[in-house]
Amino acid sequence: MSDPRDLFDLTGKVACVTGASSGIGRRAAVTLAAAGAYVVGVARRKEALDGLQAELGEGAASIVADVAARSGVEALVHAISQPFGAPDIVIHAAGVNTREPADDVTAEGWDQTLALNLSAPFFISQAMVPAMKAKGWGRIVNFASLQTTRAFPGGIAYGASKGGVGQMTRAMAEAWSKDGITANAIGPGFFPTELTAAVFDDAERAARNAAQTCAGRNGTMEDMDGPLLFLCSDASSYVTGQVLMVDGGFTAK
C-alpha cells in the first residue's frame, strides 16, 4: 500500500483561488501552496495580492480582476493559465454579503450578490473545464454557507445565492464528474473574516453563535485546512456533488 499521505500531495498541480486577498481565500492559497501546488490568486486588491505572492514565493502568481465581470471571463481564464498552465483546481472563495433586510433589498445589491456569489463560480468553472477534461482530472470547490439551508436576518439575497451554490454544485457534478472532475462545496460556519467582522466585533453575539455549535466554539482558519486539502486532492476522487459543512456542528443541532 502506498503512503496515505500521498493522497493529499498536490505537487505539480495548478490551483486558482478567487478572493485570495483575504479571509478563507487567502488561507486556501497558503494551504494549497504548502501542499505543493502552484497557486494563482485572483482578487481586486493589488496590494493584498502582492503581499500574498511575496509570502508564497516563486510558486505563486496573482491577477487583479473583478471575477463578477461576465464579459471578462474568457480573458481572465486565459490570464490565469499563463504563469503555470491551465488550472487543475479552482476554489471560488470570492463573495459578498450586503446584509440588506428583505424590505430594503435593492436591485443593485441583489444583482451584485448573485453575480459574485453564484454566476462567477459557474462561468469561470465552465471556462476552465475543457482543460480539465483534457487531463481527465479536475477539482472545483465552491463556497456554500449556513444560509444554503438556513434563513438568517438580513440575508435574503445572500441566502438565495448560497442556496443556488448548493444546487449548482450538484449540477456541476452531474455534468462533469464523468470526465474526472469533482465538484463540491464547503459550507463554513462562523469564521473570522472580513465578511463576518460585524459578528466577531460583537463579543456577545460571537459567544452566542459559538454556543449554538456542537463543538462549543467558532471556527479558526486552521479548521479549514483539512477539508480544503481533502476536496482538492486525490483523497476525494469518489466524492462529488456534496456540500461539506465545516461548522462545528451548527447545522447538526
Protein backbone atom coordinates (compact mmCIF):
# COMPACT_ATOMS: atom_id res chain seq x y z
CA MET A 1 0.00 0.00 0.00
CA SER A 2 1.28 3.46 -0.87
CA ASP A 3 1.69 6.12 1.77
CA PRO A 4 -1.79 7.50 2.54
CA ARG A 5 -0.26 10.94 2.90
CA ASP A 6 0.39 10.91 -0.84
CA LEU A 7 -3.36 11.23 -1.36
CA PHE A 8 -3.13 14.85 -0.19
CA ASP A 9 0.02 15.74 -2.15
CA LEU A 10 -0.65 18.50 -4.70
CA THR A 11 2.87 18.69 -6.10
CA GLY A 12 2.74 19.90 -9.69
CA LYS A 13 -0.96 20.79 -9.62
CA VAL A 14 -2.06 24.29 -10.58
CA ALA A 15 -4.67 25.91 -8.35
CA CYS A 16 -6.63 29.10 -8.91
CA VAL A 17 -8.15 30.78 -5.86
CA THR A 18 -10.58 33.67 -6.21
CA GLY A 19 -10.96 36.03 -3.29
CA ALA A 20 -7.34 35.28 -2.42
CA SER A 21 -6.63 38.70 -0.94
CA SER A 22 -8.12 37.93 2.49
CA GLY A 23 -10.01 35.54 4.73
CA ILE A 24 -10.69 31.97 3.70
CA GLY A 25 -9.48 32.59 0.16
CA ARG A 26 -6.09 33.72 1.36
CA ARG A 27 -5.89 30.79 3.73
CA ALA A 28 -6.76 28.42 0.90
CA ALA A 29 -3.95 29.81 -1.25
CA VAL A 30 -1.41 29.37 1.55
CA THR A 31 -2.61 25.85 2.34
CA LEU A 32 -2.53 24.61 -1.24
CA ALA A 33 0.92 26.11 -1.78
CA ALA A 34 2.16 24.28 1.32
CA ALA A 35 0.80 21.06 -0.18
CA GLY A 36 2.92 21.59 -3.30
CA ALA A 37 0.56 23.33 -5.71
CA TYR A 38 1.35 26.28 -7.91
CA VAL A 39 -1.15 28.95 -6.90
CA VAL A 40 -2.70 31.78 -8.87
CA GLY A 41 -4.56 34.20 -6.61
CA VAL A 42 -7.28 36.41 -8.06
CA ALA A 43 -8.84 39.42 -6.31
CA ARG A 44 -9.48 43.12 -6.76
CA ARG A 45 -6.94 44.45 -4.23
CA LYS A 46 -3.45 44.56 -5.71
CA GLU A 47 -1.62 45.43 -2.50
CA ALA A 48 -3.07 42.47 -0.64
CA LEU A 49 -2.30 40.14 -3.54
CA ASP A 50 1.27 41.43 -3.69
CA GLY A 51 1.64 40.53 -0.01
CA LEU A 52 0.35 37.03 -0.64
CA GLN A 53 2.65 36.49 -3.59
CA ALA A 54 5.62 37.70 -1.60
CA GLU A 55 4.78 35.20 1.14
CA LEU A 56 4.34 32.26 -1.25
CA GLY A 57 7.33 32.99 -3.50
CA GLU A 58 8.10 31.70 -6.98
CA GLY A 59 5.35 29.10 -6.99
CA ALA A 60 2.65 31.76 -6.89
CA ALA A 61 1.22 34.40 -9.18
CA SER A 62 -1.55 36.94 -8.81
CA ILE A 63 -4.07 38.64 -11.05
CA VAL A 64 -6.03 41.76 -10.20
CA ALA A 65 -9.55 41.32 -11.55
CA ASP A 66 -13.24 41.52 -10.77
CA VAL A 67 -14.43 37.95 -11.20
CA ALA A 68 -18.05 39.12 -11.40
CA ALA A 69 -17.38 40.91 -14.70
CA ARG A 70 -19.09 38.44 -17.02
CA SER A 71 -17.64 39.88 -20.23
CA GLY A 72 -14.10 39.38 -18.95
CA VAL A 73 -14.27 35.68 -18.05
CA GLU A 74 -12.54 34.32 -21.15
CA ALA A 75 -9.67 36.81 -20.87
CA LEU A 76 -9.39 36.18 -17.13
CA VAL A 77 -9.12 32.41 -17.50
CA HIS A 78 -6.53 32.89 -20.25
CA ALA A 79 -4.50 35.12 -17.92
CA ILE A 80 -4.82 32.64 -15.04
CA SER A 81 -3.42 29.91 -17.28
CA GLN A 82 -0.29 31.83 -18.29
CA PRO A 83 2.05 31.52 -15.28
CA PHE A 84 1.90 27.72 -14.71
CA GLY A 85 -0.55 26.29 -17.22
CA ALA A 86 -4.27 25.62 -17.12
CA PRO A 87 -5.61 25.13 -13.57
CA ASP A 88 -6.31 21.66 -12.24
CA ILE A 89 -8.07 23.13 -9.21
CA VAL A 90 -10.32 26.15 -8.80
CA ILE A 91 -11.53 27.45 -5.46
CA HIS A 92 -14.28 30.04 -5.61
CA ALA A 93 -13.79 31.96 -2.37
CA ALA A 94 -14.74 35.45 -3.60
CA GLY A 95 -18.05 36.57 -2.16
CA VAL A 96 -20.16 39.41 -0.84
CA ASN A 97 -22.93 39.80 1.72
CA THR A 98 -24.83 43.09 1.53
CA ARG A 99 -26.85 42.25 4.69
CA GLU A 100 -29.94 44.08 3.43
CA PRO A 101 -33.24 43.29 5.20
CA ALA A 102 -35.85 41.82 2.86
CA ASP A 103 -37.88 45.04 2.80
CA ASP A 104 -34.81 47.07 1.86
CA VAL A 105 -33.17 44.86 -0.76
CA THR A 106 -32.13 46.91 -3.78
CA ALA A 107 -31.85 45.69 -7.34
CA GLU A 108 -28.19 46.70 -7.28
CA GLY A 109 -27.47 44.75 -4.10
CA TRP A 110 -29.35 41.69 -5.36
CA ASP A 111 -27.57 41.68 -8.73
CA GLN A 112 -24.16 42.24 -7.16
CA THR A 113 -24.66 39.36 -4.74
CA LEU A 114 -25.79 36.84 -7.33
CA ALA A 115 -23.18 37.93 -9.85
CA LEU A 116 -20.27 37.39 -7.46
CA ASN A 117 -21.52 34.50 -5.31
CA LEU A 118 -23.30 32.40 -7.94
CA SER A 119 -22.70 33.45 -11.54
CA ALA A 120 -18.93 33.95 -11.32
CA PRO A 121 -18.20 30.44 -9.96
CA PHE A 122 -20.24 28.89 -12.74
CA PHE A 123 -18.89 30.80 -15.72
CA ILE A 124 -15.26 30.67 -14.54
CA SER A 125 -15.57 26.92 -13.94
CA GLN A 126 -17.24 26.44 -17.31
CA ALA A 127 -14.31 28.17 -18.99
CA MET A 128 -11.77 26.01 -17.13
CA VAL A 129 -13.49 22.67 -17.67
CA PRO A 130 -12.19 21.94 -21.21
CA ALA A 131 -8.58 21.86 -19.99
CA MET A 132 -9.57 19.72 -17.00
CA LYS A 133 -11.40 17.30 -19.32
CA ALA A 134 -8.30 17.04 -21.49
CA LYS A 135 -6.29 15.96 -18.43
CA GLY A 136 -9.05 13.71 -17.08
CA TRP A 137 -8.64 15.36 -13.66
CA GLY A 138 -10.06 18.46 -12.03
CA ARG A 139 -11.30 19.85 -8.76
CA ILE A 140 -13.95 22.56 -8.36
CA VAL A 141 -14.57 23.83 -4.85
CA ASN A 142 -17.43 26.26 -4.34
CA PHE A 143 -18.37 28.03 -1.15
CA ALA A 144 -21.79 27.39 0.31
CA SER A 145 -22.90 28.73 3.69
CA LEU A 146 -25.02 28.13 6.74
CA GLN A 147 -27.53 30.09 4.69
CA THR A 148 -27.54 27.43 1.99
CA THR A 149 -30.18 25.74 4.15
CA ARG A 150 -30.96 28.25 6.93
CA ALA A 151 -32.60 31.69 6.79
CA PHE A 152 -30.79 34.48 8.64
CA PRO A 153 -31.99 38.06 9.21
CA GLY A 154 -30.78 40.42 6.50
CA GLY A 155 -29.67 37.53 4.36
CA ILE A 156 -32.28 37.06 1.66
CA ALA A 157 -30.03 37.93 -1.30
CA TYR A 158 -27.01 36.17 0.23
CA GLY A 159 -29.07 33.15 1.18
CA ALA A 160 -30.60 32.93 -2.28
CA SER A 161 -27.14 32.96 -3.82
CA LYS A 162 -25.81 30.33 -1.43
CA GLY A 163 -28.86 28.13 -1.84
CA GLY A 164 -28.08 28.33 -5.54
CA VAL A 165 -24.47 27.34 -4.89
CA GLY A 166 -25.64 24.10 -3.30
CA GLN A 167 -27.73 23.14 -6.32
CA MET A 168 -25.13 24.42 -8.79
CA THR A 169 -22.54 22.19 -7.14
CA ARG A 170 -24.74 19.11 -7.59
CA ALA A 171 -25.45 20.06 -11.21
CA MET A 172 -21.73 20.61 -11.91
CA ALA A 173 -21.04 17.13 -10.58
CA GLU A 174 -23.75 15.65 -12.79
CA ALA A 175 -22.34 17.40 -15.84
CA TRP A 176 -18.60 16.95 -15.41
CA SER A 177 -17.67 14.21 -12.94
CA LYS A 178 -17.74 11.52 -15.64
CA ASP A 179 -14.70 13.34 -17.04
CA GLY A 180 -12.72 13.07 -13.80
CA ILE A 181 -13.75 16.47 -12.48
CA THR A 182 -15.22 16.57 -8.99
CA ALA A 183 -17.39 19.48 -7.86
CA ASN A 184 -18.01 20.03 -4.18
CA ALA A 185 -18.73 22.92 -1.85
CA ILE A 186 -17.62 23.86 1.64
CA GLY A 187 -20.20 25.43 3.93
CA PRO A 188 -18.31 27.37 6.61
CA GLY A 189 -19.80 28.07 10.00
CA PHE A 190 -18.72 31.16 11.89
CA PHE A 191 -15.16 32.06 10.88
CA PRO A 192 -13.40 35.40 11.50
CA THR A 193 -13.21 37.02 8.04
CA GLU A 194 -13.92 40.44 6.57
CA LEU A 195 -17.46 39.32 5.71
CA THR A 196 -18.15 38.37 9.34
CA ALA A 197 -16.31 41.24 11.03
CA ALA A 198 -19.59 42.70 12.29
CA VAL A 199 -20.35 39.42 14.04
CA PHE A 200 -16.95 38.95 15.64
CA ASP A 201 -16.71 42.60 16.69
CA ASP A 202 -19.74 41.92 18.91
CA ALA A 203 -18.35 39.63 21.63
CA GLU A 204 -21.80 38.72 22.95
CA ARG A 205 -23.05 37.78 19.50
CA ALA A 206 -19.91 35.76 18.74
CA ALA A 207 -20.30 33.87 22.02
CA ARG A 208 -23.95 33.20 21.25
CA ASN A 209 -23.01 31.75 17.87
CA ALA A 210 -20.35 29.55 19.43
CA ALA A 211 -22.86 28.21 21.94
CA GLN A 212 -25.10 27.06 19.08
CA THR A 213 -22.45 24.69 17.71
CA CYS A 214 -21.83 21.12 18.85
CA ALA A 215 -18.15 21.99 19.31
CA GLY A 216 -18.93 24.96 21.54
CA ARG A 217 -16.67 27.36 19.67
CA ASN A 218 -16.39 29.36 16.48
CA GLY A 219 -14.06 28.37 13.66
CA THR A 220 -10.41 29.26 13.22
CA MET A 221 -8.59 29.39 9.91
CA GLU A 222 -6.73 26.19 10.76
CA ASP A 223 -10.07 24.37 10.81
CA MET A 224 -10.40 24.96 7.07
CA ASP A 225 -7.08 23.41 6.01
CA GLY A 226 -8.03 19.73 6.15
CA PRO A 227 -11.38 19.99 4.37
CA LEU A 228 -9.82 22.12 1.61
CA LEU A 229 -6.95 19.71 1.05
CA PHE A 230 -9.35 16.77 1.03
CA LEU A 231 -11.60 18.26 -1.64
CA CYS A 232 -8.67 19.46 -3.78
CA SER A 233 -6.70 16.22 -3.82
CA ASP A 234 -6.87 12.56 -4.83
CA ALA A 235 -8.22 11.81 -1.36
CA SER A 236 -11.68 12.88 -2.56
CA SER A 237 -11.70 11.24 -6.00
CA TYR A 238 -15.04 9.50 -5.34
CA VAL A 239 -16.66 12.44 -3.58
CA THR A 240 -18.60 14.81 -5.80
CA GLY A 241 -21.76 16.90 -5.73
CA GLN A 242 -21.53 17.32 -1.97
CA VAL A 243 -21.76 20.24 0.43
CA LEU A 244 -19.36 19.65 3.32
CA MET A 245 -20.41 21.74 6.30
CA VAL A 246 -17.36 22.91 8.24
CA ASP A 247 -19.40 24.50 11.02
CA GLY A 248 -18.53 22.83 14.31
CA GLY A 249 -21.87 21.05 14.16
CA PHE A 250 -24.05 24.16 13.91
CA THR A 251 -26.32 22.55 11.33
CA ALA A 252 -26.42 19.27 13.30
CA LYS A 253 -28.32 20.85 16.19
